[in-house]
């Protein structure tokens, strides 16, 4: 199937894949060839693309996924490939988010920042 993964900054992937796994707000979802039409909102999480030359892992910070025909389009609010992740920055962001949550456990912005930092750390270790 044809897969396009686009962020506001760049086209991060465009090519053929045998499988796509991504995280929607309702949980992880996998797409194979000729999947039924689907539209979903993306959550913060890891996306994996089974490309011809290996598995591509990316950190995704929200957006949308659409499956139509035999193609998958991922429009991300923010996405980073493994090689673009700054682990030290992600660890620093994680500490700052945890401190903010210690001060206010109901801080949704800090909770999302923590989730984004954890996702970047997870994806960087997968690559």
C-alpha atoms as a PDB file:
ATOM      1  CA  UNK A   1       0.000   0.000   0.000  1.00  0.00           C
ATOM      2  CA  UNK A   2       1.111   3.577  -0.583  1.00  0.00           C
ATOM      3  CA  UNK A   3       1.890   5.490   2.631  1.00  0.00           C
ATOM      4  CA  UNK A   4       2.377   9.236   3.077  1.00  0.00           C
ATOM      5  CA  UNK A   5       3.347  10.711   6.444  1.00  0.00           C
ATOM      6  CA  UNK A   6       3.365  14.497   6.499  1.00  0.00           C
ATOM      7  CA  UNK A   7       4.040  17.016   9.262  1.00  0.00           C
ATOM      8  CA  UNK A   8       3.851  20.815   8.977  1.00  0.00           C
ATOM      9  CA  UNK A   9       7.641  20.838   8.540  1.00  0.00           C
ATOM     10  CA  UNK A  10       8.179  18.086   5.974  1.00  0.00           C
ATOM     11  CA  UNK A  11       7.118  14.910   4.213  1.00  0.00           C
ATOM     12  CA  UNK A  12       8.673  12.358   6.563  1.00  0.00           C
ATOM     13  CA  UNK A  13       7.795   9.275   4.553  1.00  0.00           C
ATOM     14  CA  UNK A  14       6.403   8.522   1.130  1.00  0.00           C
ATOM     15  CA  UNK A  15       6.515   5.002  -0.225  1.00  0.00           C
ATOM     16  CA  UNK A  16       5.234   1.459  -0.227  1.00  0.00           C
ATOM     17  CA  UNK A  17       4.608  -0.400   3.046  1.00  0.00           C
ATOM     18  CA  UNK A  18       3.213  -3.815   3.906  1.00  0.00           C
ATOM     19  CA  UNK A  19       1.853  -2.651   7.289  1.00  0.00           C
ATOM     20  CA  UNK A  20       1.272   0.524   9.300  1.00  0.00           C
ATOM     21  CA  UNK A  21       0.690   0.654  13.074  1.00  0.00           C
ATOM     22  CA  UNK A  22      -0.225   3.954  14.694  1.00  0.00           C
ATOM     23  CA  UNK A  23      -1.925   5.226  17.851  1.00  0.00           C
ATOM     24  CA  UNK A  24      -5.319   6.856  17.613  1.00  0.00           C
ATOM     25  CA  UNK A  25      -7.191   8.479  20.491  1.00  0.00           C
ATOM     26  CA  UNK A  26      -9.096   5.180  20.766  1.00  0.00           C
ATOM     27  CA  UNK A  27      -5.999   2.959  20.827  1.00  0.00           C
ATOM     28  CA  UNK A  28      -3.466   1.380  18.498  1.00  0.00           C
ATOM     29  CA  UNK A  29      -4.620   0.432  15.015  1.00  0.00           C
ATOM     30  CA  UNK A  30      -2.899  -1.590  12.276  1.00  0.00           C
ATOM     31  CA  UNK A  31      -3.454  -1.293   8.544  1.00  0.00           C
ATOM     32  CA  UNK A  32      -2.626  -3.917   5.930  1.00  0.00           C
ATOM     33  CA  UNK A  33      -3.135  -3.942   2.155  1.00  0.00           C
ATOM     34  CA  UNK A  34      -6.703  -3.221   1.049  1.00  0.00           C
ATOM     35  CA  UNK A  35      -7.873  -2.138   4.506  1.00  0.00           C
ATOM     36  CA  UNK A  36     -11.434  -0.861   4.794  1.00  0.00           C
ATOM     37  CA  UNK A  37     -11.803   2.945   4.601  1.00  0.00           C
ATOM     38  CA  UNK A  38     -10.923   4.592   7.915  1.00  0.00           C
ATOM     39  CA  UNK A  39     -10.529   8.086   9.349  1.00  0.00           C
ATOM     40  CA  UNK A  40      -9.220   8.626  12.869  1.00  0.00           C
ATOM     41  CA  UNK A  41      -7.699  11.220  15.174  1.00  0.00           C
ATOM     42  CA  UNK A  42      -4.123  10.467  16.205  1.00  0.00           C
ATOM     43  CA  UNK A  43      -2.929  10.563  19.779  1.00  0.00           C
ATOM     44  CA  UNK A  44       0.627  11.183  20.929  1.00  0.00           C
ATOM     45  CA  UNK A  45       2.499   7.950  20.298  1.00  0.00           C
ATOM     46  CA  UNK A  46       4.714   5.837  18.099  1.00  0.00           C
ATOM     47  CA  UNK A  47       3.955   5.035  14.472  1.00  0.00           C
ATOM     48  CA  UNK A  48       5.680   2.145  12.729  1.00  0.00           C
ATOM     49  CA  UNK A  49       5.845   1.650   8.977  1.00  0.00           C
ATOM     50  CA  UNK A  50       6.907  -1.711   7.509  1.00  0.00           C
ATOM     51  CA  UNK A  51       8.679  -0.394   4.412  1.00  0.00           C
ATOM     52  CA  UNK A  52      10.537  -2.414   1.778  1.00  0.00           C
ATOM     53  CA  UNK A  53      13.898  -1.612   3.400  1.00  0.00           C
ATOM     54  CA  UNK A  54      12.879  -2.197   7.046  1.00  0.00           C
ATOM     55  CA  UNK A  55      10.706  -0.832   9.806  1.00  0.00           C
ATOM     56  CA  UNK A  56      10.543   2.959  10.119  1.00  0.00           C
ATOM     57  CA  UNK A  57       9.639   4.282  13.596  1.00  0.00           C
ATOM     58  CA  UNK A  58       8.410   7.821  14.195  1.00  0.00           C
ATOM     59  CA  UNK A  59       7.193   9.837  17.162  1.00  0.00           C
ATOM     60  CA  UNK A  60       3.797  11.393  16.372  1.00  0.00           C
ATOM     61  CA  UNK A  61       2.291  14.338  18.255  1.00  0.00           C
ATOM     62  CA  UNK A  62      -1.366  14.132  17.217  1.00  0.00           C
ATOM     63  CA  UNK A  63      -3.058  14.616  13.866  1.00  0.00           C
ATOM     64  CA  UNK A  64      -5.225  12.469  11.614  1.00  0.00           C
ATOM     65  CA  UNK A  65      -4.978   9.200   9.683  1.00  0.00           C
ATOM     66  CA  UNK A  66      -7.013   8.316   6.614  1.00  0.00           C
ATOM     67  CA  UNK A  67      -7.169   5.012   4.757  1.00  0.00           C
ATOM     68  CA  UNK A  68      -8.766   5.064   1.330  1.00  0.00           C
ATOM     69  CA  UNK A  69      -8.295   2.662  -1.549  1.00  0.00           C
ATOM     70  CA  UNK A  70      -4.936   1.066  -0.955  1.00  0.00           C
ATOM     71  CA  UNK A  71      -3.274   4.119   0.587  1.00  0.00           C
ATOM     72  CA  UNK A  72      -2.680   5.440   4.093  1.00  0.00           C
ATOM     73  CA  UNK A  73      -2.241   9.161   4.701  1.00  0.00           C
ATOM     74  CA  UNK A  74      -1.014  10.404   8.073  1.00  0.00           C
ATOM     75  CA  UNK A  75      -1.234  14.153   8.672  1.00  0.00           C
ATOM     76  CA  UNK A  76       0.600  14.831  11.906  1.00  0.00           C
ATOM     77  CA  UNK A  77       0.541  17.986  14.003  1.00  0.00           C
ATOM     78  CA  UNK A  78       4.181  17.180  14.769  1.00  0.00           C
ATOM     79  CA  UNK A  79       6.355  14.197  13.980  1.00  0.00           C
ATOM     80  CA  UNK A  80       9.984  13.188  14.363  1.00  0.00           C
ATOM     81  CA  UNK A  81      11.959  10.410  12.743  1.00  0.00           C
ATOM     82  CA  UNK A  82      14.370   8.479  14.976  1.00  0.00           C
ATOM     83  CA  UNK A  83      17.393  10.340  13.600  1.00  0.00           C
ATOM     84  CA  UNK A  84      15.771  13.719  14.378  1.00  0.00           C
ATOM     85  CA  UNK A  85      15.053  13.030  18.054  1.00  0.00           C
ATOM     86  CA  UNK A  86      17.230  14.854  20.578  1.00  0.00           C
ATOM     87  CA  UNK A  87      17.180  12.460  23.545  1.00  0.00           C
ATOM     88  CA  UNK A  88      18.735  14.962  25.969  1.00  0.00           C
ATOM     89  CA  UNK A  89      16.055  17.519  25.093  1.00  0.00           C
ATOM     90  CA  UNK A  90      13.319  14.893  25.514  1.00  0.00           C
ATOM     91  CA  UNK A  91      14.707  13.905  28.929  1.00  0.00           C
ATOM     92  CA  UNK A  92      14.843  17.554  29.989  1.00  0.00           C
ATOM     93  CA  UNK A  93      11.263  18.066  28.757  1.00  0.00           C
ATOM     94  CA  UNK A  94      10.197  14.983  30.705  1.00  0.00           C
ATOM     95  CA  UNK A  95      11.702  16.321  33.937  1.00  0.00           C
ATOM     96  CA  UNK A  96      10.036  19.721  33.433  1.00  0.00           C
ATOM     97  CA  UNK A  97       6.664  18.104  32.724  1.00  0.00           C
ATOM     98  CA  UNK A  98       6.947  15.871  35.802  1.00  0.00           C
ATOM     99  CA  UNK A  99       7.749  18.901  37.962  1.00  0.00           C
ATOM    100  CA  UNK A 100       4.729  20.749  36.556  1.00  0.00           C
ATOM    101  CA  UNK A 101       2.519  17.734  37.250  1.00  0.00           C
ATOM    102  CA  UNK A 102       3.855  17.503  40.815  1.00  0.00           C
ATOM    103  CA  UNK A 103       2.750  21.107  41.309  1.00  0.00           C
ATOM    104  CA  UNK A 104      -0.625  20.576  39.586  1.00  0.00           C
ATOM    105  CA  UNK A 105      -1.748  17.017  38.825  1.00  0.00           C
ATOM    106  CA  UNK A 106      -4.605  18.354  36.656  1.00  0.00           C
ATOM    107  CA  UNK A 107      -2.323  20.290  34.277  1.00  0.00           C
ATOM    108  CA  UNK A 108      -3.339  18.842  30.874  1.00  0.00           C
ATOM    109  CA  UNK A 109      -0.611  20.732  29.036  1.00  0.00           C
ATOM    110  CA  UNK A 110       2.040  19.214  31.309  1.00  0.00           C
ATOM    111  CA  UNK A 111       0.461  15.748  30.943  1.00  0.00           C
ATOM    112  CA  UNK A 112       0.659  16.043  27.137  1.00  0.00           C
ATOM    113  CA  UNK A 113       4.232  17.359  27.344  1.00  0.00           C
ATOM    114  CA  UNK A 114       5.161  14.354  29.489  1.00  0.00           C
ATOM    115  CA  UNK A 115       3.534  11.951  27.016  1.00  0.00           C
ATOM    116  CA  UNK A 116       5.352  13.606  24.079  1.00  0.00           C
ATOM    117  CA  UNK A 117       8.707  13.434  25.885  1.00  0.00           C
ATOM    118  CA  UNK A 118       8.170   9.770  26.809  1.00  0.00           C
ATOM    119  CA  UNK A 119       7.199   8.953  23.213  1.00  0.00           C
ATOM    120  CA  UNK A 120      10.351  10.579  21.836  1.00  0.00           C
ATOM    121  CA  UNK A 121      12.509   8.648  24.313  1.00  0.00           C
ATOM    122  CA  UNK A 122      10.728   5.371  23.462  1.00  0.00           C
ATOM    123  CA  UNK A 123      11.046   5.880  19.693  1.00  0.00           C
ATOM    124  CA  UNK A 124      14.709   6.889  19.944  1.00  0.00           C
ATOM    125  CA  UNK A 125      15.513   3.646  21.773  1.00  0.00           C
ATOM    126  CA  UNK A 126      13.590   1.618  19.155  1.00  0.00           C
ATOM    127  CA  UNK A 127      15.763   2.975  16.352  1.00  0.00           C
END
